[in-house]
Amino acid sequence: MRYTDRSRIEIDWTCPRARYWGYEYAGIGLAPVEPNIDLLFGSAIALAVEAIRHNQPVPSCSLPLPHAALYAGLTEAYRTRIWPTWVEQFELIETEVECNLPLTSDILYQARPDAVVRRKVDGTVWYLEDKTTSQNSQPFCQGWDKQVQVHATAKAIEDTLGLEVQGCYVQGWYKGYAKQGTLYSPLAYAW
């Protein structure tokens, strides 16, 4: 059985050799010697959001400034403003549950939706996708209706959980942009 996911697919589109070395070499792939700050930041946000969704304390952040300040500001805004709005309108079904979608007899697409929710007003099921981004709103918002990840994850949820998914809400986490090794984010400096 061969496994695939959004990251493997996107890397393969750019460079099949990078996909091989990163995911398949020796059955597990190779990891970079120094972790990428954007990957670390995105992972920290994902852990914080899952904690918030389960009414647990937000984990501390060991990232350097200004990333640590941005993390604190974004997670506090999410905890106090954004997530309470979601809870008013939706019931949480699952978070970070592994969902699989067989593509062929020997290829399995793996997805881990950030959250699966049921809308209270009509009982429809949706999934939430959290994305950190350095893009401003217009480029970030364009094209999600055509993203393979959104459609494949919805199908994987349906296959794994047996729920009909109506659609996906993509929650953008704007982190600013990097220029000459410095993070420029009004949110980080305001916090």
C-alpha atoms as a PDB file:
ATOM      1  CA  MET A   1       0.000   0.000   0.000  1.00  0.00           C
ATOM      2  CA  ARG A   2       1.279   3.476  -0.887  1.00  0.00           C
ATOM      3  CA  TYR A   3       0.101   6.463   1.116  1.00  0.00           C
ATOM      4  CA  THR A   4      -0.332  10.009  -0.102  1.00  0.00           C
ATOM      5  CA  ASP A   5      -1.584  13.315   1.262  1.00  0.00           C
ATOM      6  CA  ARG A   6      -1.756  16.995   0.308  1.00  0.00           C
ATOM      7  CA  SER A   7       1.904  17.705   1.133  1.00  0.00           C
ATOM      8  CA  ARG A   8       3.206  14.762  -0.889  1.00  0.00           C
ATOM      9  CA  ILE A   9       1.010  15.643  -3.856  1.00  0.00           C
ATOM     10  CA  GLU A  10       2.022  19.323  -3.919  1.00  0.00           C
ATOM     11  CA  ILE A  11       5.726  18.481  -3.600  1.00  0.00           C
ATOM     12  CA  ASP A  12       5.389  15.892  -6.355  1.00  0.00           C
ATOM     13  CA  TRP A  13       3.892  18.515  -8.692  1.00  0.00           C
ATOM     14  CA  THR A  14       6.962  20.695  -8.102  1.00  0.00           C
ATOM     15  CA  CYS A  15       9.653  18.018  -7.925  1.00  0.00           C
ATOM     16  CA  PRO A  16       9.056  14.239  -7.848  1.00  0.00           C
ATOM     17  CA  ARG A  17      12.594  13.725  -6.561  1.00  0.00           C
ATOM     18  CA  ALA A  18      11.889  15.963  -3.532  1.00  0.00           C
ATOM     19  CA  ARG A  19       8.772  13.877  -2.791  1.00  0.00           C
ATOM     20  CA  TYR A  20      10.839  10.686  -2.949  1.00  0.00           C
ATOM     21  CA  TRP A  21      13.596  11.967  -0.652  1.00  0.00           C
ATOM     22  CA  GLY A  22      11.174  13.655   1.746  1.00  0.00           C
ATOM     23  CA  TYR A  23       8.588  10.888   2.087  1.00  0.00           C
ATOM     24  CA  GLU A  24       9.652   7.579   0.572  1.00  0.00           C
ATOM     25  CA  TYR A  25      13.421   7.124   0.988  1.00  0.00           C
ATOM     26  CA  ALA A  26      14.093   4.116   3.265  1.00  0.00           C
ATOM     27  CA  GLY A  27      10.345   3.839   3.898  1.00  0.00           C
ATOM     28  CA  ILE A  28      10.141   7.040   5.961  1.00  0.00           C
ATOM     29  CA  GLY A  29      11.887   9.840   4.061  1.00  0.00           C
ATOM     30  CA  LEU A  30      14.506  12.311   5.205  1.00  0.00           C
ATOM     31  CA  ALA A  31      13.875  15.328   7.448  1.00  0.00           C
ATOM     32  CA  PRO A  32      15.736  18.636   7.151  1.00  0.00           C
ATOM     33  CA  VAL A  33      18.548  19.188   9.658  1.00  0.00           C
ATOM     34  CA  GLU A  34      17.137  22.588  10.649  1.00  0.00           C
ATOM     35  CA  PRO A  35      13.347  22.873  10.888  1.00  0.00           C
ATOM     36  CA  ASN A  36      11.616  25.597   8.892  1.00  0.00           C
ATOM     37  CA  ILE A  37      10.259  28.465  11.071  1.00  0.00           C
ATOM     38  CA  ASP A  38       7.026  28.585   9.031  1.00  0.00           C
ATOM     39  CA  LEU A  39       6.451  24.867   9.605  1.00  0.00           C
ATOM     40  CA  LEU A  40       7.170  25.255  13.331  1.00  0.00           C
ATOM     41  CA  PHE A  41       4.796  28.227  13.541  1.00  0.00           C
ATOM     42  CA  GLY A  42       2.023  26.396  11.679  1.00  0.00           C
ATOM     43  CA  SER A  43       2.457  23.334  13.904  1.00  0.00           C
ATOM     44  CA  ALA A  44       2.317  25.487  17.050  1.00  0.00           C
ATOM     45  CA  ILE A  45      -0.898  27.161  15.828  1.00  0.00           C
ATOM     46  CA  ALA A  46      -2.438  23.747  15.042  1.00  0.00           C
ATOM     47  CA  LEU A  47      -1.714  22.475  18.571  1.00  0.00           C
ATOM     48  CA  ALA A  48      -3.091  25.675  20.122  1.00  0.00           C
ATOM     49  CA  VAL A  49      -6.293  25.565  18.073  1.00  0.00           C
ATOM     50  CA  GLU A  50      -6.930  21.938  19.000  1.00  0.00           C
ATOM     51  CA  ALA A  51      -6.444  22.794  22.687  1.00  0.00           C
ATOM     52  CA  ILE A  52      -8.850  25.736  22.395  1.00  0.00           C
ATOM     53  CA  ARG A  53     -11.467  23.581  20.685  1.00  0.00           C
ATOM     54  CA  HIS A  54     -11.299  21.151  23.611  1.00  0.00           C
ATOM     55  CA  ASN A  55     -11.395  23.906  26.268  1.00  0.00           C
ATOM     56  CA  GLN A  56      -7.826  23.192  27.331  1.00  0.00           C
ATOM     57  CA  PRO A  57      -5.090  25.740  28.103  1.00  0.00           C
ATOM     58  CA  VAL A  58      -3.191  27.095  25.122  1.00  0.00           C
ATOM     59  CA  PRO A  59       0.285  25.476  25.045  1.00  0.00           C
ATOM     60  CA  SER A  60       3.248  27.757  25.651  1.00  0.00           C
ATOM     61  CA  CYS A  61       5.274  28.742  22.612  1.00  0.00           C
ATOM     62  CA  SER A  62       9.054  28.433  22.388  1.00  0.00           C
ATOM     63  CA  LEU A  63       9.423  30.196  19.038  1.00  0.00           C
ATOM     64  CA  PRO A  64      11.688  33.261  18.888  1.00  0.00           C
ATOM     65  CA  LEU A  65      10.334  36.808  18.760  1.00  0.00           C
ATOM     66  CA  PRO A  66       8.426  38.106  16.858  1.00  0.00           C
ATOM     67  CA  HIS A  67       6.859  34.692  16.093  1.00  0.00           C
ATOM     68  CA  ALA A  68       6.142  34.096  19.800  1.00  0.00           C
ATOM     69  CA  ALA A  69       4.310  37.433  20.034  1.00  0.00           C
ATOM     70  CA  LEU A  70       2.340  36.676  16.871  1.00  0.00           C
ATOM     71  CA  TYR A  71       1.442  33.239  18.270  1.00  0.00           C
ATOM     72  CA  ALA A  72       0.227  34.804  21.531  1.00  0.00           C
ATOM     73  CA  GLY A  73      -1.850  37.459  19.771  1.00  0.00           C
ATOM     74  CA  LEU A  74      -3.435  35.118  17.224  1.00  0.00           C
ATOM     75  CA  THR A  75      -4.284  32.365  19.690  1.00  0.00           C
ATOM     76  CA  GLU A  76      -5.750  34.825  22.207  1.00  0.00           C
ATOM     77  CA  ALA A  77      -7.905  36.392  19.477  1.00  0.00           C
ATOM     78  CA  TYR A  78      -9.052  32.944  18.371  1.00  0.00           C
ATOM     79  CA  ARG A  79      -9.787  31.810  21.941  1.00  0.00           C
ATOM     80  CA  THR A  80     -11.744  34.918  22.930  1.00  0.00           C
ATOM     81  CA  ARG A  81     -13.379  36.059  19.679  1.00  0.00           C
ATOM     82  CA  ILE A  82     -13.397  33.540  16.845  1.00  0.00           C
ATOM     83  CA  TRP A  83     -13.978  30.139  18.467  1.00  0.00           C
ATOM     84  CA  PRO A  84     -16.902  31.363  20.646  1.00  0.00           C
ATOM     85  CA  THR A  85     -18.640  32.484  17.428  1.00  0.00           C
ATOM     86  CA  TRP A  86     -18.138  29.012  15.938  1.00  0.00           C
ATOM     87  CA  VAL A  87     -19.508  27.352  19.088  1.00  0.00           C
ATOM     88  CA  GLU A  88     -22.673  29.462  18.897  1.00  0.00           C
ATOM     89  CA  GLN A  89     -23.436  28.153  15.421  1.00  0.00           C
ATOM     90  CA  PHE A  90     -21.799  24.704  15.269  1.00  0.00           C
ATOM     91  CA  GLU A  91     -21.420  21.546  17.331  1.00  0.00           C
ATOM     92  CA  LEU A  92     -17.941  20.008  17.324  1.00  0.00           C
ATOM     93  CA  ILE A  93     -17.963  16.403  16.041  1.00  0.00           C
ATOM     94  CA  GLU A  94     -14.233  15.591  15.668  1.00  0.00           C
ATOM     95  CA  THR A  95     -10.846  17.277  15.612  1.00  0.00           C
ATOM     96  CA  GLU A  96      -7.690  16.005  13.949  1.00  0.00           C
ATOM     97  CA  VAL A  97      -9.254  12.614  13.152  1.00  0.00           C
ATOM     98  CA  GLU A  98      -7.422  10.516  10.560  1.00  0.00           C
ATOM     99  CA  CYS A  99      -9.597  10.041   7.476  1.00  0.00           C
ATOM    100  CA  ASN A 100      -8.687   7.855   4.515  1.00  0.00           C
ATOM    101  CA  LEU A 101      -9.853   7.808   0.925  1.00  0.00           C
ATOM    102  CA  PRO A 102      -8.860   4.849  -1.280  1.00  0.00           C
ATOM    103  CA  LEU A 103      -7.795   6.200  -4.671  1.00  0.00           C
ATOM    104  CA  THR A 104      -6.810   2.874  -6.239  1.00  0.00           C
ATOM    105  CA  SER A 105      -6.324  -0.650  -4.928  1.00  0.00           C
ATOM    106  CA  ASP A 106      -2.829   0.284  -3.746  1.00  0.00           C
ATOM    107  CA  ILE A 107      -2.940   4.076  -3.118  1.00  0.00           C
ATOM    108  CA  LEU A 108      -4.602   5.578  -0.046  1.00  0.00           C
ATOM    109  CA  TYR A 109      -5.121   9.341   0.376  1.00  0.00           C
ATOM    110  CA  GLN A 110      -4.730  10.367   4.021  1.00  0.00           C
ATOM    111  CA  ALA A 111      -6.296  13.499   5.480  1.00  0.00           C
ATOM    112  CA  ARG A 112      -6.551  14.937   8.959  1.00  0.00           C
ATOM    113  CA  PRO A 113      -9.231  17.658   8.937  1.00  0.00           C
ATOM    114  CA  ASP A 114      -8.672  20.300  11.598  1.00  0.00           C
ATOM    115  CA  ALA A 115     -12.293  19.964  12.745  1.00  0.00           C
ATOM    116  CA  VAL A 116     -15.537  18.380  11.624  1.00  0.00           C
ATOM    117  CA  VAL A 117     -18.608  20.300  12.791  1.00  0.00           C
ATOM    118  CA  ARG A 118     -22.410  20.146  12.543  1.00  0.00           C
ATOM    119  CA  ARG A 119     -24.329  23.368  11.925  1.00  0.00           C
ATOM    120  CA  LYS A 120     -26.966  23.745  14.647  1.00  0.00           C
ATOM    121  CA  VAL A 121     -29.603  25.453  12.516  1.00  0.00           C
ATOM    122  CA  ASP A 122     -29.923  22.698   9.868  1.00  0.00           C
ATOM    123  CA  GLY A 123     -27.790  19.735  11.005  1.00  0.00           C
ATOM    124  CA  THR A 124     -25.461  19.859   7.983  1.00  0.00           C
ATOM    125  CA  VAL A 125     -21.851  18.712   8.375  1.00  0.00           C
ATOM    126  CA  TRP A 126     -18.895  20.923   7.440  1.00  0.00           C
ATOM    127  CA  TYR A 127     -15.190  20.715   7.983  1.00  0.00           C
ATOM    128  CA  LEU A 128     -12.821  23.455   9.125  1.00  0.00           C
ATOM    129  CA  GLU A 129      -9.394  23.960   7.623  1.00  0.00           C
ATOM    130  CA  ASP A 130      -6.942  26.254   9.446  1.00  0.00           C
ATOM    131  CA  LYS A 131      -4.215  27.770   7.257  1.00  0.00           C
ATOM    132  CA  THR A 132      -1.425  30.110   8.268  1.00  0.00           C
ATOM    133  CA  THR A 133      -0.562  32.445   5.417  1.00  0.00           C
ATOM    134  CA  SER A 134       1.661  35.343   4.488  1.00  0.00           C
ATOM    135  CA  GLN A 135      -0.607  36.312   1.575  1.00  0.00           C
ATOM    136  CA  ASN A 136      -2.989  39.213   1.853  1.00  0.00           C
ATOM    137  CA  SER A 137      -6.673  38.354   1.804  1.00  0.00           C
ATOM    138  CA  GLN A 138      -7.492  38.463  -1.908  1.00  0.00           C
ATOM    139  CA  PRO A 139      -4.881  35.956  -3.187  1.00  0.00           C
ATOM    140  CA  PHE A 140      -5.445  33.756  -0.139  1.00  0.00           C
ATOM    141  CA  CYS A 141      -9.206  33.615  -0.629  1.00  0.00           C
ATOM    142  CA  GLN A 142      -9.126  32.857  -4.344  1.00  0.00           C
ATOM    143  CA  GLY A 143      -9.263  29.296  -5.583  1.00  0.00           C
ATOM    144  CA  TRP A 144     -10.255  27.334  -2.492  1.00  0.00           C
ATOM    145  CA  ASP A 145     -13.316  25.994  -4.325  1.00  0.00           C
ATOM    146  CA  LYS A 146     -10.907  24.283  -6.765  1.00  0.00           C
ATOM    147  CA  GLN A 147      -8.309  23.021  -4.256  1.00  0.00           C
ATOM    148  CA  VAL A 148      -7.822  19.260  -4.475  1.00  0.00           C
ATOM    149  CA  GLN A 149      -7.142  19.151  -0.733  1.00  0.00           C
ATOM    150  CA  VAL A 150     -10.606  20.520   0.110  1.00  0.00           C
ATOM    151  CA  HIS A 151     -12.492  18.065  -2.108  1.00  0.00           C
ATOM    152  CA  ALA A 152     -10.337  15.033  -1.250  1.00  0.00           C
ATOM    153  CA  THR A 153     -10.583  15.728   2.485  1.00  0.00           C
ATOM    154  CA  ALA A 154     -14.370  16.068   2.273  1.00  0.00           C
ATOM    155  CA  LYS A 155     -14.554  12.703   0.471  1.00  0.00           C
ATOM    156  CA  ALA A 156     -12.175  11.133   3.015  1.00  0.00           C
ATOM    157  CA  ILE A 157     -14.428  12.357   5.862  1.00  0.00           C
ATOM    158  CA  GLU A 158     -17.462  10.873   4.119  1.00  0.00           C
ATOM    159  CA  ASP A 159     -15.711   7.533   3.568  1.00  0.00           C
ATOM    160  CA  THR A 160     -14.258   7.311   7.078  1.00  0.00           C
ATOM    161  CA  LEU A 161     -16.968   8.844   9.270  1.00  0.00           C
ATOM    162  CA  GLY A 162     -20.003   8.093   7.107  1.00  0.00           C
ATOM    163  CA  LEU A 163     -21.140  11.736   7.208  1.00  0.00           C
ATOM    164  CA  GLU A 164     -22.256  13.756   4.185  1.00  0.00           C
ATOM    165  CA  VAL A 165     -20.074  16.869   4.056  1.00  0.00           C
ATOM    166  CA  GLN A 166     -21.710  20.052   2.751  1.00  0.00           C
ATOM    167  CA  GLY A 167     -18.497  22.009   2.403  1.00  0.00           C
ATOM    168  CA  CYS A 168     -15.402  23.464   4.002  1.00  0.00           C
ATOM    169  CA  TYR A 169     -14.674  26.683   5.866  1.00  0.00           C
ATOM    170  CA  VAL A 170     -11.058  27.824   5.491  1.00  0.00           C
ATOM    171  CA  GLN A 171      -9.848  29.902   8.445  1.00  0.00           C
ATOM    172  CA  GLY A 172      -6.894  32.055   7.441  1.00  0.00           C
ATOM    173  CA  TRP A 173      -4.290  32.924  10.078  1.00  0.00           C
ATOM    174  CA  TYR A 174      -2.417  35.916   8.686  1.00  0.00           C
ATOM    175  CA  LYS A 175       1.141  35.929   9.960  1.00  0.00           C
ATOM    176  CA  GLY A 176       2.590  38.810   7.963  1.00  0.00           C
ATOM    177  CA  TYR A 177       5.506  38.395   5.607  1.00  0.00           C
ATOM    178  CA  ALA A 178       9.242  37.836   5.840  1.00  0.00           C
ATOM    179  CA  LYS A 179      11.690  40.248   4.255  1.00  0.00           C
ATOM    180  CA  GLN A 180      15.449  39.788   4.558  1.00  0.00           C
ATOM    181  CA  GLY A 181      14.968  37.297   7.388  1.00  0.00           C
ATOM    182  CA  THR A 182      12.655  39.546   9.444  1.00  0.00           C
ATOM    183  CA  LEU A 183       8.958  38.899  10.058  1.00  0.00           C
ATOM    184  CA  TYR A 184       6.810  41.935   9.368  1.00  0.00           C
ATOM    185  CA  SER A 185       3.427  41.579  11.020  1.00  0.00           C
ATOM    186  CA  PRO A 186       1.371  44.390  12.482  1.00  0.00           C
ATOM    187  CA  LEU A 187      -0.288  41.787  14.692  1.00  0.00           C
ATOM    188  CA  ALA A 188       3.001  40.707  16.244  1.00  0.00           C
ATOM    189  CA  TYR A 189       4.184  44.222  16.973  1.00  0.00           C
ATOM    190  CA  ALA A 190       0.789  45.414  18.205  1.00  0.00           C
ATOM    191  CA  TRP A 191       0.638  42.518  20.647  1.00  0.00           C
END
